[in-house]
Amino acid sequence: MARQALLASLDEGWADPSRLYREGRRARMLLDAAREAAAEAVGCRPDELVFTSSGTHAVHTGVAGALAGRRRVGRHLIVSAVEHSSVLHAGEAHEAEGGTVTRVGVDRTGAVDPAAYAGALRADTALACLQSANHEVGTEQPVERVAEACRAAGVPLLVDAAQSLPWGPVPGGWSLLTGSAHKWGGPSGVGLLVVRKGVRFAARGPADERESGRAAGFENIPAIVAAAASLRAVRAEAAQEAARLRELTDRIRARVPALVPDVEVVGDPERRLPGIVTFSCLYVDGETLLHELDRAGFSVSSGSSCTSSTLTPSHVLRAMGVLSEGNVRVSLPPGTAAAEVDRFLEVLPGAVAGVREKLGAPAPVTAVEGDALVVDALGKLCPLPVIELAKVIGTVPVGGTVRVLADDEAAQLDIPAWCEMRGQEYVGEEAAERGAAYVVRRTR
C-alpha cells in the first residue's frame, strides 16, 4: 500500500502545495489527506501535526521550541537516562546554552519511576521528556502516570513515540509527541511533530510559512503520503500481529538462557513492545557475534557499543545496570516467520560458543597485594577483564577478594553485572594509577 501511494504521488504530488495553480492544489490535497490520516493514527487534531525531515529533526524542533516557548518559566529540562540519543543530544545543547537538565534514572528493566519524575519537577521546569518505549530493550514507560504528574505541575510532557506508534496511539495527557516513519515501515526522511493546542511553543531558527512555521522547506509529498499510508496499513493489523510477534519473542526470551549458558535477558518481561528482545552474553565481544550471525543470514543489532571499534557501552544498558558485553538486540518486523525464529535459536548457541573460543583470554597476570589477588587487565577491552576475573575467582578462598585493574570503560558496568549474575559480592571501585581497581569478594 505504501509503495503504491508513493508511486502514485510521484505523478500527482510533485508540485508546490503552497501554490494556487491546479497542480499545486492537487499536491495540497494529497498533503492534507496524509496529515489527516497521520493525525487519526496518533490521536490528535490535523492542525496540531506537522511533518519534518526525520524523527531526529522532530525531536530537536520539539524540545527547542517548547523550551523557547516557556523560557519565562525557567530553563530546567527533565529527561530519562535511557532516552534516544536525539533527546539526550538536545539536552546537551540546552546545557551548553546555560540551561539545566535533570536525568531521571531507571530500574534494571529500563523503566522510570513516575514518583522520580514527580520529584524532579521544579518551579523553573520548562519541559519534561519521556519515551513511550525504549528503542534498545523494548520496555514500555509509564507515560500516563508521568503525564499526570506533569499536568498537575503545569509542565508540558514531550513523548518520543518512534518505537510504539506502529502498535497504537500513546495514551495519557502528553503535550508534544514525535515519531519517525521508518520505524513503522514507511520511507526514511519523514518525521512528525505534534504540538497540542495551548502548549507554548516558539520555533527556533529561520522559519517560513510551511508546516505552521515549525518545519521549514519544501515538503516531500510523495514520502509523506507513503508514510501516512504505511502507518494506516500497519495499524490495521497491529493487534493481531502484536500477539503473534509477542509469542515469538517470548519463545526467544525463554529459550536463549536454556540454550546458551551465561546469558542475561534484559528489559521488562511483560511491559514491552511485541517485536523486540534483547540479551547479553558473558565472555563475548558483541561485534564479533553480530558478524557471525550476519554470516548465518541474521541481521541483528547490538544495544552495546562495547566493541573492538568503540570503547563506550550503551547508555541504556549502563543506566539499567545490566551486562553490556555480548549484547544482541533482535527486532522482529511484521511478517517474521516462526521458522526463522526457530532457525535463529538453532544457530545462536554455536555462534556464541565459537566467539567464546576465539576470545579465549590469555592467562591473566596476577599478583597478591595483602589479602587480595590482583588481576592486571589494563589495556584489555571488553570482555577480557571479565573473562580474566572469572578465571581466577575460584582460586581465592571464600571471603577473599580480587582486585581487577582495568582501564576499559565497559568494565565499570560489566564487573558489577557479572557479580550479580554469579552471586559474588561487588565491593566497589577504587582509584588506581591507571584506570580503576574493581574489588570483588568471593562469597561462594
Protein backbone atom coordinates (compact mmCIF):
# COMPACT_ATOMS: atom_id res chain seq x y z
CA MET A 1 0.00 0.00 0.00
CA ALA A 2 2.74 2.46 0.93
CA ARG A 3 4.68 1.70 -2.26
CA GLN A 4 1.59 2.23 -4.38
CA ALA A 5 0.89 5.51 -2.60
CA LEU A 6 4.47 6.62 -3.16
CA LEU A 7 4.40 5.85 -6.88
CA ALA A 8 1.01 7.50 -7.38
CA SER A 9 2.02 10.65 -5.54
CA LEU A 10 5.20 10.95 -7.60
CA ASP A 11 2.91 11.68 -10.53
CA GLU A 12 0.33 13.76 -8.68
CA GLY A 13 2.23 15.37 -5.82
CA TRP A 14 5.29 16.88 -7.45
CA ALA A 15 4.09 20.49 -7.36
CA ASP A 16 4.46 23.10 -4.62
CA PRO A 17 1.44 22.69 -2.30
CA SER A 18 1.57 26.38 -1.38
CA ARG A 19 0.77 27.44 -4.95
CA LEU A 20 -2.73 28.16 -6.22
CA TYR A 21 -2.46 26.65 -9.67
CA ARG A 22 -4.09 23.29 -10.38
CA GLU A 23 -1.06 21.08 -9.77
CA GLY A 24 -0.34 22.92 -6.54
CA ARG A 25 -3.90 22.46 -5.32
CA ARG A 26 -3.67 18.75 -6.12
CA ALA A 27 -0.43 18.47 -4.15
CA ARG A 28 -2.09 20.33 -1.24
CA MET A 29 -4.98 17.85 -1.25
CA LEU A 30 -2.53 14.94 -1.02
CA LEU A 31 -0.63 16.63 1.82
CA ASP A 32 -3.81 17.45 3.75
CA ALA A 33 -5.13 13.90 3.34
CA ALA A 34 -1.85 12.47 4.61
CA ARG A 35 -1.91 14.82 7.59
CA GLU A 36 -5.46 13.79 8.48
CA ALA A 37 -4.57 10.09 8.25
CA ALA A 38 -1.47 10.52 10.43
CA ALA A 39 -3.38 12.63 12.96
CA GLU A 40 -6.08 9.99 13.24
CA ALA A 41 -3.44 7.33 13.91
CA VAL A 42 -1.67 9.48 16.51
CA GLY A 43 -4.86 10.69 18.18
CA CYS A 44 -4.58 14.42 17.64
CA ARG A 45 -6.04 17.20 15.54
CA PRO A 46 -4.66 17.57 11.99
CA ASP A 47 -3.67 21.18 12.67
CA GLU A 48 -1.56 20.02 15.63
CA LEU A 49 0.65 17.79 13.45
CA VAL A 50 3.48 18.84 11.16
CA PHE A 51 5.83 16.73 9.05
CA THR A 52 9.59 17.06 9.41
CA SER A 53 12.59 15.68 7.54
CA SER A 54 13.26 12.98 10.18
CA GLY A 55 12.34 11.78 13.63
CA THR A 56 15.55 13.33 14.98
CA HIS A 57 14.62 16.68 13.45
CA ALA A 58 11.18 16.38 15.04
CA VAL A 59 12.74 15.78 18.47
CA HIS A 60 15.20 18.66 18.18
CA THR A 61 12.49 21.01 16.90
CA GLY A 62 10.05 19.94 19.61
CA VAL A 63 12.48 20.24 22.51
CA ALA A 64 13.94 23.56 21.36
CA GLY A 65 10.54 25.07 20.55
CA ALA A 66 8.94 24.04 23.84
CA LEU A 67 11.89 25.32 25.86
CA ALA A 68 11.87 28.62 23.98
CA GLY A 69 8.13 28.98 24.38
CA ARG A 70 8.38 28.59 28.16
CA ARG A 71 11.62 30.50 28.66
CA ARG A 72 9.97 32.91 31.11
CA VAL A 73 9.03 29.94 33.34
CA GLY A 74 12.60 28.72 33.56
CA ARG A 75 15.32 26.75 31.80
CA HIS A 76 15.07 23.39 33.55
CA LEU A 77 14.62 20.26 31.42
CA ILE A 78 13.84 16.72 32.62
CA VAL A 79 14.74 13.61 30.61
CA SER A 80 15.12 9.94 31.43
CA ALA A 81 18.57 8.36 31.42
CA VAL A 82 17.52 5.94 28.66
CA GLU A 83 16.11 8.38 26.11
CA HIS A 84 17.10 8.10 22.46
CA SER A 85 20.33 9.92 21.68
CA SER A 86 18.39 12.62 19.80
CA VAL A 87 16.69 13.65 23.06
CA LEU A 88 19.91 13.44 25.06
CA HIS A 89 21.76 15.50 22.46
CA ALA A 90 19.01 18.12 22.61
CA GLY A 91 19.51 18.20 26.38
CA GLU A 92 23.25 18.61 25.99
CA ALA A 93 22.70 21.52 23.60
CA HIS A 94 20.35 23.09 26.15
CA GLU A 95 23.01 22.77 28.87
CA ALA A 96 25.62 24.30 26.57
CA GLU A 97 23.35 27.34 26.24
CA GLY A 98 23.11 27.75 30.01
CA GLY A 99 20.09 25.57 30.81
CA THR A 100 19.91 22.81 33.39
CA VAL A 101 18.97 19.16 32.85
CA THR A 102 17.85 16.50 35.32
CA ARG A 103 18.34 12.93 34.10
CA VAL A 104 15.96 10.53 35.85
CA GLY A 105 17.33 7.04 36.43
CA VAL A 106 15.64 3.71 35.68
CA ASP A 107 15.40 0.28 37.31
CA ARG A 108 17.01 -2.90 35.95
CA THR A 109 14.14 -3.37 33.48
CA GLY A 110 14.74 0.07 31.98
CA ALA A 111 11.57 1.70 33.37
CA VAL A 112 11.37 5.03 35.15
CA ASP A 113 9.57 5.52 38.45
CA PRO A 114 6.78 8.10 37.99
CA ALA A 115 7.48 9.30 41.52
CA ALA A 116 11.04 10.13 40.47
CA TYR A 117 9.73 12.29 37.63
CA ALA A 118 7.31 13.99 40.01
CA GLY A 119 10.17 14.61 42.41
CA ALA A 120 12.30 16.16 39.68
CA LEU A 121 9.68 18.78 38.78
CA ARG A 122 10.61 22.28 39.92
CA ALA A 123 9.14 25.76 39.74
CA ASP A 124 11.52 26.55 36.85
CA THR A 125 10.88 23.32 34.89
CA ALA A 126 10.06 24.27 31.31
CA LEU A 127 9.72 20.79 29.78
CA ALA A 128 9.87 17.07 30.59
CA CYS A 129 10.66 14.35 28.03
CA LEU A 130 9.89 10.63 28.22
CA GLN A 131 9.98 7.96 25.53
CA SER A 132 6.89 5.78 25.14
CA ALA A 133 9.06 2.66 24.84
CA ASN A 134 12.79 2.05 24.82
CA HIS A 135 14.49 1.58 21.47
CA GLU A 136 17.11 -0.89 22.75
CA VAL A 137 15.28 -3.20 25.15
CA GLY A 138 11.61 -2.57 24.30
CA THR A 139 10.50 -1.64 27.83
CA GLU A 140 7.33 0.47 27.84
CA GLN A 141 7.34 3.55 30.04
CA PRO A 142 4.54 4.69 32.40
CA VAL A 143 3.68 7.69 30.22
CA GLU A 144 0.17 8.15 31.60
CA ARG A 145 1.32 8.46 35.22
CA VAL A 146 4.20 10.75 34.35
CA ALA A 147 1.87 12.90 32.26
CA GLU A 148 -0.49 13.21 35.23
CA ALA A 149 2.34 14.48 37.43
CA CYS A 150 3.49 16.92 34.76
CA ARG A 151 -0.04 18.18 34.15
CA ALA A 152 -0.56 18.78 37.87
CA ALA A 153 2.62 20.87 37.89
CA GLY A 154 1.70 22.73 34.70
CA VAL A 155 4.69 21.31 32.81
CA PRO A 156 4.34 20.02 29.22
CA LEU A 157 5.50 16.46 28.51
CA LEU A 158 7.16 15.60 25.20
CA VAL A 159 6.88 11.91 24.27
CA ASP A 160 9.28 10.29 21.79
CA ALA A 161 6.88 7.70 20.36
CA ALA A 162 9.05 6.48 17.49
CA GLN A 163 9.12 2.87 18.69
CA SER A 164 5.50 2.48 19.76
CA LEU A 165 3.45 4.33 17.13
CA PRO A 166 3.19 1.28 14.83
CA TRP A 167 1.32 -0.54 17.61
CA GLY A 168 -1.13 2.13 18.70
CA PRO A 169 -1.59 5.69 19.91
CA VAL A 170 0.20 6.86 23.04
CA PRO A 171 -2.25 7.18 25.96
CA GLY A 172 -2.22 9.91 28.53
CA GLY A 173 -2.23 13.67 28.63
CA TRP A 174 1.03 14.34 26.81
CA SER A 175 1.64 17.78 25.30
CA LEU A 176 4.09 17.12 22.46
CA LEU A 177 4.87 13.93 20.53
CA THR A 178 7.40 12.89 17.91
CA GLY A 179 7.69 9.93 15.55
CA SER A 180 9.68 8.60 12.59
CA ALA A 181 8.18 6.91 9.53
CA HIS A 182 10.95 4.38 9.02
CA LYS A 183 10.10 2.86 12.40
CA TRP A 184 6.71 1.70 11.10
CA GLY A 185 7.95 0.59 7.69
CA GLY A 186 7.47 3.90 5.90
CA PRO A 187 10.12 5.73 3.90
CA SER A 188 13.08 7.27 5.65
CA GLY A 189 13.32 11.03 5.75
CA VAL A 190 9.86 11.65 7.20
CA GLY A 191 9.21 12.54 10.82
CA LEU A 192 6.23 14.00 12.60
CA LEU A 193 5.86 16.50 15.40
CA VAL A 194 2.63 17.08 17.32
CA VAL A 195 2.16 20.16 19.48
CA ARG A 196 -1.14 20.21 21.33
CA LYS A 197 -3.24 23.35 21.24
CA GLY A 198 -2.48 25.56 24.21
CA VAL A 199 1.16 24.47 24.55
CA ARG A 200 3.50 27.45 24.44
CA PHE A 201 5.84 26.89 21.52
CA ALA A 202 8.31 29.18 19.75
CA ALA A 203 10.05 27.74 16.69
CA ARG A 204 13.81 28.25 16.78
CA GLY A 205 15.89 29.28 13.80
CA PRO A 206 14.78 30.63 10.42
CA ALA A 207 11.17 29.77 9.61
CA ASP A 208 8.86 30.03 6.64
CA GLU A 209 5.15 29.63 6.04
CA ARG A 210 5.32 25.85 5.58
CA GLU A 211 4.18 23.38 8.26
CA SER A 212 2.89 26.12 10.57
CA GLY A 213 6.35 27.65 10.61
CA ARG A 214 7.72 24.67 12.53
CA ALA A 215 9.46 22.78 9.72
CA ALA A 216 10.97 24.98 7.05
CA GLY A 217 11.45 23.75 3.49
CA PHE A 218 9.56 22.10 0.65
CA GLU A 219 7.53 19.13 1.88
CA ASN A 220 8.47 15.76 0.41
CA ILE A 221 4.88 14.96 -0.52
CA PRO A 222 5.43 11.50 -2.09
CA ALA A 223 7.32 10.32 1.01
CA ILE A 224 4.79 11.91 3.37
CA VAL A 225 1.87 10.26 1.55
CA ALA A 226 3.67 6.89 1.67
CA ALA A 227 4.43 7.37 5.37
CA ALA A 228 0.78 8.02 6.21
CA ALA A 229 -0.37 5.07 4.08
CA SER A 230 2.13 2.71 5.73
CA LEU A 231 1.11 3.82 9.22
CA ARG A 232 -2.53 3.18 8.40
CA ALA A 233 -1.64 -0.24 6.95
CA VAL A 234 0.37 -1.46 9.94
CA ARG A 235 -2.24 -0.18 12.37
CA ALA A 236 -4.95 -2.19 10.59
CA GLU A 237 -3.14 -5.42 11.52
CA ALA A 238 -1.42 -4.21 14.69
CA ALA A 239 -3.43 -6.14 17.28
CA GLN A 240 -3.17 -9.49 15.51
CA GLU A 241 0.48 -9.06 14.54
CA ALA A 242 1.44 -7.86 18.03
CA ALA A 243 0.04 -11.03 19.58
CA ARG A 244 1.91 -13.20 17.08
CA LEU A 245 5.24 -11.39 17.48
CA ARG A 246 4.93 -11.37 21.27
CA GLU A 247 4.62 -15.16 21.19
CA LEU A 248 7.81 -15.36 19.11
CA THR A 249 9.77 -13.01 21.35
CA ASP A 250 8.53 -14.92 24.39
CA ARG A 251 9.98 -18.02 22.76
CA ILE A 252 13.35 -16.31 22.34
CA ARG A 253 13.32 -14.97 25.90
CA ALA A 254 12.62 -18.42 27.29
CA ARG A 255 14.87 -20.49 25.03
CA VAL A 256 18.05 -18.41 24.85
CA PRO A 257 19.02 -18.85 28.54
CA ALA A 258 18.31 -22.57 28.24
CA LEU A 259 20.39 -22.96 25.08
CA VAL A 260 23.29 -20.61 25.85
CA PRO A 261 25.00 -20.55 29.27
CA ASP A 262 25.86 -17.27 30.95
CA VAL A 263 23.20 -15.12 29.31
CA GLU A 264 21.16 -12.25 30.77
CA VAL A 265 17.87 -11.38 29.04
CA VAL A 266 17.19 -7.70 29.66
CA GLY A 267 14.12 -5.46 29.59
CA ASP A 268 10.74 -5.81 31.23
CA PRO A 269 9.31 -9.32 30.58
CA GLU A 270 5.72 -8.03 30.42
CA ARG A 271 5.57 -4.28 29.75
CA ARG A 272 7.45 -4.30 26.47
CA LEU A 273 7.00 -3.87 22.74
CA PRO A 274 5.97 -7.05 20.96
CA GLY A 275 8.81 -7.31 18.45
CA ILE A 276 11.97 -6.56 20.46
CA VAL A 277 14.00 -8.93 22.62
CA THR A 278 17.47 -8.16 23.94
CA PHE A 279 20.03 -10.31 25.73
CA SER A 280 23.69 -10.12 26.70
CA CYS A 281 26.23 -12.94 26.70
CA LEU A 282 29.11 -13.16 29.13
CA TYR A 283 32.63 -13.54 27.71
CA VAL A 284 31.56 -12.44 24.21
CA ASP A 285 32.52 -9.48 22.04
CA GLY A 286 29.29 -8.08 20.65
CA GLU A 287 30.67 -7.00 17.29
CA THR A 288 32.23 -10.40 16.60
CA LEU A 289 28.99 -12.16 17.48
CA LEU A 290 26.99 -9.90 15.16
CA HIS A 291 29.34 -10.74 12.30
CA GLU A 292 28.93 -14.46 12.98
CA LEU A 293 25.13 -14.14 12.97
CA ASP A 294 25.26 -11.99 9.84
CA ARG A 295 27.16 -14.74 8.04
CA ALA A 296 24.39 -17.11 9.06
CA GLY A 297 21.80 -14.81 7.48
CA PHE A 298 20.53 -12.92 10.56
CA SER A 299 20.57 -9.12 10.58
CA VAL A 300 20.53 -8.30 14.29
CA SER A 301 21.83 -5.29 16.17
CA SER A 302 23.67 -4.63 19.37
CA GLY A 303 22.43 -2.33 22.09
CA SER A 304 26.00 -2.21 23.28
CA SER A 305 28.74 -0.07 21.80
CA CYS A 306 31.25 -2.20 23.69
CA THR A 307 33.04 -3.47 20.61
CA SER A 308 36.54 -3.54 19.24
CA SER A 309 35.94 -0.24 17.42
CA THR A 310 34.46 1.83 20.26
CA LEU A 311 35.04 1.96 23.98
CA THR A 312 31.74 3.27 25.31
CA PRO A 313 28.98 0.84 26.35
CA SER A 314 25.34 1.59 25.59
CA HIS A 315 24.00 4.42 27.74
CA VAL A 316 20.73 2.45 28.09
CA LEU A 317 22.40 -0.68 29.45
CA ARG A 318 24.62 1.44 31.67
CA ALA A 319 21.61 3.22 33.17
CA MET A 320 19.90 -0.14 33.76
CA GLY A 321 22.98 -1.59 35.45
CA VAL A 322 22.86 -4.76 33.36
CA LEU A 323 25.51 -6.68 31.45
CA SER A 324 26.62 -4.89 28.28
CA GLU A 325 29.14 -7.30 26.77
CA GLY A 326 27.98 -9.61 24.00
CA ASN A 327 24.72 -7.70 23.65
CA VAL A 328 22.26 -8.74 20.92
CA ARG A 329 19.06 -6.91 20.04
CA VAL A 330 16.61 -8.90 17.94
CA SER A 331 13.89 -6.89 16.21
CA LEU A 332 11.17 -8.93 14.55
CA PRO A 333 9.47 -6.92 11.80
CA PRO A 334 5.83 -7.62 10.95
CA GLY A 335 5.56 -10.80 8.93
CA THR A 336 8.53 -12.57 10.55
CA ALA A 337 8.03 -16.31 10.18
CA ALA A 338 8.18 -18.64 13.17
CA ALA A 339 10.54 -20.88 11.19
CA GLU A 340 13.11 -18.07 11.05
CA VAL A 341 12.98 -17.67 14.83
CA ASP A 342 13.49 -21.41 15.25
CA ARG A 343 16.47 -21.31 12.88
CA PHE A 344 17.94 -18.39 14.82
CA LEU A 345 17.66 -20.42 18.03
CA GLU A 346 19.44 -23.31 16.30
CA VAL A 347 22.31 -21.13 15.07
CA LEU A 348 22.85 -18.94 18.14
CA PRO A 349 24.42 -21.48 20.55
CA GLY A 350 27.11 -22.45 18.06
CA ALA A 351 27.81 -18.83 17.16
CA VAL A 352 28.25 -17.84 20.81
CA ALA A 353 30.42 -20.88 21.54
CA GLY A 354 32.61 -20.10 18.53
CA VAL A 355 33.14 -16.49 19.60
CA ARG A 356 33.92 -17.53 23.16
CA GLU A 357 36.50 -19.99 21.88
CA LYS A 358 38.11 -17.36 19.66
CA LEU A 359 38.23 -14.88 22.53
CA GLY A 360 39.83 -17.35 24.94
CA ALA A 361 41.66 -14.88 27.14
CA PRO A 362 45.34 -15.32 27.82
CA ALA A 363 46.29 -16.47 31.27
CA PRO A 364 45.62 -13.48 33.49
CA VAL A 365 48.53 -11.63 35.02
CA THR A 366 48.02 -11.88 38.76
CA ALA A 367 49.78 -10.82 41.89
CA VAL A 368 48.99 -10.76 45.59
CA GLU A 369 48.64 -7.49 47.46
CA GLY A 370 47.92 -8.10 51.12
CA ASP A 371 44.89 -10.38 51.28
CA ALA A 372 43.73 -9.57 47.74
CA LEU A 373 44.53 -11.25 44.46
CA VAL A 374 45.26 -8.65 41.77
CA VAL A 375 44.37 -9.18 38.11
CA ASP A 376 46.07 -6.80 35.70
CA ALA A 377 43.67 -6.27 32.79
CA LEU A 378 44.99 -2.83 31.85
CA GLY A 379 44.91 -2.19 28.13
CA LYS A 380 42.42 -5.00 27.51
CA LEU A 381 39.00 -4.38 26.05
CA CYS A 382 35.62 -5.87 26.89
CA PRO A 383 35.05 -8.75 27.51
CA LEU A 384 38.61 -9.69 28.54
CA PRO A 385 38.58 -8.09 32.05
CA VAL A 386 35.51 -10.14 33.00
CA ILE A 387 36.94 -13.29 31.42
CA GLU A 388 40.10 -12.94 33.49
CA LEU A 389 38.11 -12.26 36.66
CA ALA A 390 36.07 -15.41 36.05
CA LYS A 391 39.24 -17.47 35.58
CA VAL A 392 40.74 -16.56 38.94
CA ILE A 393 37.77 -16.16 41.27
CA GLY A 394 37.87 -19.85 42.10
CA THR A 395 41.50 -19.64 43.23
CA VAL A 396 40.79 -17.36 46.18
CA PRO A 397 39.18 -18.66 49.38
CA VAL A 398 35.58 -17.80 50.21
CA GLY A 399 35.72 -14.35 51.78
CA GLY A 400 38.84 -13.43 49.85
CA THR A 401 38.94 -10.58 47.35
CA VAL A 402 40.11 -9.99 43.80
CA ARG A 403 41.16 -6.53 42.56
CA VAL A 404 40.76 -6.18 38.81
CA LEU A 405 42.84 -3.38 37.32
CA ALA A 406 41.18 -2.18 34.13
CA ASP A 407 41.03 0.97 32.01
CA ASP A 408 38.25 -0.16 29.65
CA GLU A 409 35.15 1.93 30.40
CA ALA A 410 32.86 -1.08 29.99
CA ALA A 411 34.45 -2.82 32.98
CA GLN A 412 32.72 -0.32 35.27
CA LEU A 413 29.39 -1.75 34.15
CA ASP A 414 30.20 -5.37 33.36
CA ILE A 415 32.10 -6.38 36.51
CA PRO A 416 29.20 -5.46 38.85
CA ALA A 417 26.78 -7.15 36.42
CA TRP A 418 28.95 -10.30 36.42
CA CYS A 419 28.94 -10.33 40.23
CA GLU A 420 25.15 -10.18 40.32
CA MET A 421 24.86 -13.00 37.78
CA ARG A 422 27.41 -15.14 39.63
CA GLY A 423 26.27 -14.43 43.19
CA GLN A 424 29.56 -12.77 44.14
CA GLU A 425 29.89 -9.52 46.09
CA TYR A 426 30.92 -6.39 44.25
CA VAL A 427 32.75 -4.37 46.89
CA GLY A 428 33.30 -1.26 44.82
CA GLU A 429 35.68 0.77 42.70
CA GLU A 430 38.98 2.17 43.92
CA ALA A 431 41.35 4.69 42.41
CA ALA A 432 44.44 3.37 40.64
CA GLU A 433 47.45 4.86 38.84
CA ARG A 434 45.81 3.87 35.55
CA GLY A 435 42.14 3.17 35.08
CA ALA A 436 40.47 1.82 38.20
CA ALA A 437 40.59 -1.13 40.57
CA TYR A 438 37.34 -3.10 40.82
CA VAL A 439 37.15 -5.13 44.02
CA VAL A 440 35.18 -8.38 44.13
CA ARG A 441 34.73 -10.62 47.18
CA ARG A 442 34.14 -14.34 46.70
CA THR A 443 31.02 -15.39 48.58
CA ARG A 444 30.67 -18.99 47.48
